Protein backbone atom coordinates (compact mmCIF):
# COMPACT_ATOMS: atom_id res chain seq x y z
CA MET A 1 -7.06 -28.08 -13.12
CA TYR A 2 -6.63 -24.65 -14.61
CA ARG A 3 -3.95 -23.70 -17.10
CA MET A 4 -2.03 -20.62 -16.04
CA ALA A 5 0.15 -18.52 -18.31
CA ILE A 6 3.62 -18.39 -16.83
CA THR A 7 4.55 -15.22 -18.73
CA GLU A 8 1.86 -13.15 -17.02
CA PHE A 9 2.77 -14.62 -13.65
CA LEU A 10 6.44 -13.73 -14.04
CA LEU A 11 5.59 -10.24 -15.29
CA PHE A 12 3.45 -9.60 -12.19
CA VAL A 13 6.17 -10.92 -9.87
CA LEU A 14 8.88 -8.84 -11.54
CA THR A 15 6.76 -5.68 -11.47
CA ALA A 16 6.00 -6.23 -7.78
CA THR A 17 9.73 -6.66 -7.17
CA LEU A 18 10.41 -3.44 -9.06
CA GLY A 19 7.90 -1.61 -6.84
CA GLY A 20 9.66 -2.95 -3.75
CA MET A 21 13.03 -1.84 -5.09
CA PHE A 22 11.75 1.68 -5.78
CA LEU A 23 10.36 1.81 -2.24
CA CYS A 24 13.83 1.05 -0.83
CA GLY A 25 15.24 4.17 -2.50
CA ALA A 26 12.26 6.44 -1.88
CA ASN A 27 13.02 9.93 -0.62
CA ASP A 28 9.77 11.81 -1.22
CA LEU A 29 6.08 11.35 -0.54
CA ILE A 30 5.15 10.66 -4.16
CA THR A 31 7.61 7.79 -4.52
CA ILE A 32 6.65 6.46 -1.09
CA PHE A 33 3.05 6.30 -2.31
CA VAL A 34 3.56 5.09 -5.90
CA ALA A 35 6.08 2.30 -5.17
CA PRO A 36 3.83 0.37 -2.73
CA GLU A 37 0.90 0.90 -5.08
CA CYS A 38 2.91 -0.75 -7.87
CA PHE A 39 3.63 -3.61 -5.49
CA SER A 40 -0.01 -3.77 -4.33
CA LEU A 41 -1.56 -3.73 -7.79
CA CYS A 42 0.59 -6.65 -8.82
CA SER A 43 -0.37 -8.46 -5.62
CA TYR A 44 -4.06 -7.91 -6.42
CA LEU A 45 -3.55 -9.33 -9.89
CA LEU A 46 -1.63 -12.30 -8.52
CA SER A 47 -4.34 -13.05 -5.96
CA GLY A 48 -6.90 -13.23 -8.78
CA TYR A 49 -4.64 -15.21 -11.07
CA THR A 50 -6.86 -18.28 -11.03
CA LYS A 51 -9.84 -16.32 -12.29
CA LYS A 52 -12.15 -19.32 -12.80
CA ASP A 53 -12.02 -20.16 -9.09
CA VAL A 54 -14.87 -18.54 -7.12
CA ARG A 55 -12.85 -18.32 -3.90
CA SER A 56 -10.04 -16.59 -5.77
CA ASN A 57 -12.48 -14.00 -7.13
CA GLU A 58 -13.83 -13.33 -3.63
CA ALA A 59 -10.31 -13.04 -2.22
CA THR A 60 -9.27 -10.62 -4.95
CA THR A 61 -12.33 -8.45 -4.45
CA LYS A 62 -11.76 -8.30 -0.69
CA TYR A 63 -8.04 -7.59 -1.19
CA LEU A 64 -8.75 -4.85 -3.74
CA LEU A 65 -11.35 -3.11 -1.56
CA MET A 66 -9.17 -3.18 1.56
CA GLY A 67 -6.14 -2.06 -0.44
CA GLY A 68 -8.07 0.84 -1.96
CA ALA A 69 -9.33 1.94 1.43
CA SER A 70 -5.86 1.78 2.94
CA SER A 71 -4.41 3.72 0.01
CA SER A 72 -6.95 6.49 0.45
CA ILE A 73 -6.25 6.69 4.19
CA LEU A 74 -2.50 6.76 3.51
CA VAL A 75 -2.71 9.53 0.91
CA HIS A 76 -4.94 11.53 3.24
CA GLY A 77 -2.24 11.31 5.91
CA PHE A 78 0.36 12.36 3.34
CA SER A 79 -1.76 15.39 2.43
CA TRP A 80 -1.94 16.42 6.10
CA LEU A 81 1.83 16.06 6.35
CA TYR A 82 2.35 18.00 3.10
CA GLY A 83 0.14 20.85 4.28
CA SER A 84 1.64 21.02 7.77
CA SER A 85 5.18 21.19 6.45
CA GLY A 86 4.48 24.16 4.21
CA GLY A 87 4.15 22.33 0.90
CA GLU A 88 7.29 20.18 0.95
CA ILE A 89 7.51 16.76 -0.70
CA GLU A 90 11.01 15.47 0.15
CA LEU A 91 11.40 13.86 3.57
CA GLN A 92 14.31 16.02 4.75
CA GLU A 93 12.53 19.17 3.59
CA ILE A 94 9.38 18.10 5.44
CA VAL A 95 11.37 17.77 8.66
CA ASN A 96 13.03 21.15 8.07
CA GLY A 97 9.67 22.75 7.26
CA LEU A 98 8.07 21.36 10.42
CA ILE A 99 10.96 22.64 12.54
CA ASN A 100 11.01 26.07 10.88
CA THR A 101 7.27 26.63 11.27
CA GLN A 102 7.13 25.11 14.79
CA MET A 103 4.43 22.68 13.62
CA TYR A 104 6.05 19.49 14.95
CA ASN A 105 3.87 19.49 18.11
CA SER A 106 0.62 20.45 16.39
CA PRO A 107 -2.51 18.28 16.32
CA GLY A 108 -2.23 18.23 12.50
CA ILE A 109 0.98 16.23 12.67
CA SER A 110 -0.63 13.81 15.11
CA ILE A 111 -3.56 13.36 12.76
CA ALA A 112 -1.18 12.87 9.82
CA LEU A 113 0.82 10.24 11.67
CA ILE A 114 -2.33 8.41 12.75
CA PHE A 115 -3.63 8.30 9.16
CA ILE A 116 -0.24 7.18 7.81
CA THR A 117 0.06 4.48 10.48
CA VAL A 118 -3.45 3.17 9.82
CA GLY A 119 -2.92 3.26 6.03
CA ILE A 120 0.34 1.35 6.23
CA GLY A 121 -1.16 -0.93 8.87
CA PHE A 122 -3.95 -2.07 6.56
CA LYS A 123 -1.43 -2.58 3.76
CA LEU A 124 0.85 -4.74 5.93
CA SER A 125 -1.98 -6.24 8.05
CA PRO A 126 -0.37 -6.45 11.50
CA ALA A 127 -2.36 -7.43 14.61
CA PRO A 128 -5.11 -4.79 14.97
CA SER A 129 -5.93 -4.65 11.26
CA HIS A 130 -5.54 -8.26 10.15
CA GLN A 131 -9.16 -9.45 10.10
CA TRP A 132 -9.42 -9.59 6.30
CA THR A 133 -6.07 -11.29 5.62
CA PRO A 134 -6.99 -14.96 6.33
CA ASP A 135 -9.89 -14.77 3.88
CA VAL A 136 -7.54 -13.59 1.15
CA TYR A 137 -5.00 -16.30 1.97
CA GLU A 138 -7.70 -18.97 1.80
CA GLY A 139 -8.83 -17.82 -1.63
CA VAL A 140 -5.41 -17.62 -3.24
CA ARG A 141 -4.28 -21.01 -4.44
CA PHE A 142 -1.78 -21.58 -7.21
CA VAL A 143 -1.10 -25.27 -6.66
CA ARG A 144 -3.89 -27.73 -5.94
């Protein structure tokens, strides 16, 4: 049986909650990227909370690598969207920029939406991108 510090656990849970709350009020690309990263980093730390367990270490490593890959794909999609909209960051301004420049039917927007969908898909792990999730769930155990 491992002793776990409850203070660290509660700090990680509260910081993850704060990231989720910031995501609810997000209105620009930077906040939409930083808030889930705050949530994700705390989730990585919580998955590796029982650091003396070998399965927990493997789960954390797998979770961190998949999360990093999905973050890079997501930010690449955001950069395509930023460039196609004429350098706008706020969501309403992006829509206005795409309409003003007639870029809403361009292949660049399709590429941006594909990258954003894949990046968010690996973060949320729905059906096509869920292969790594059961391994992480098996390795994370707080109560034995």
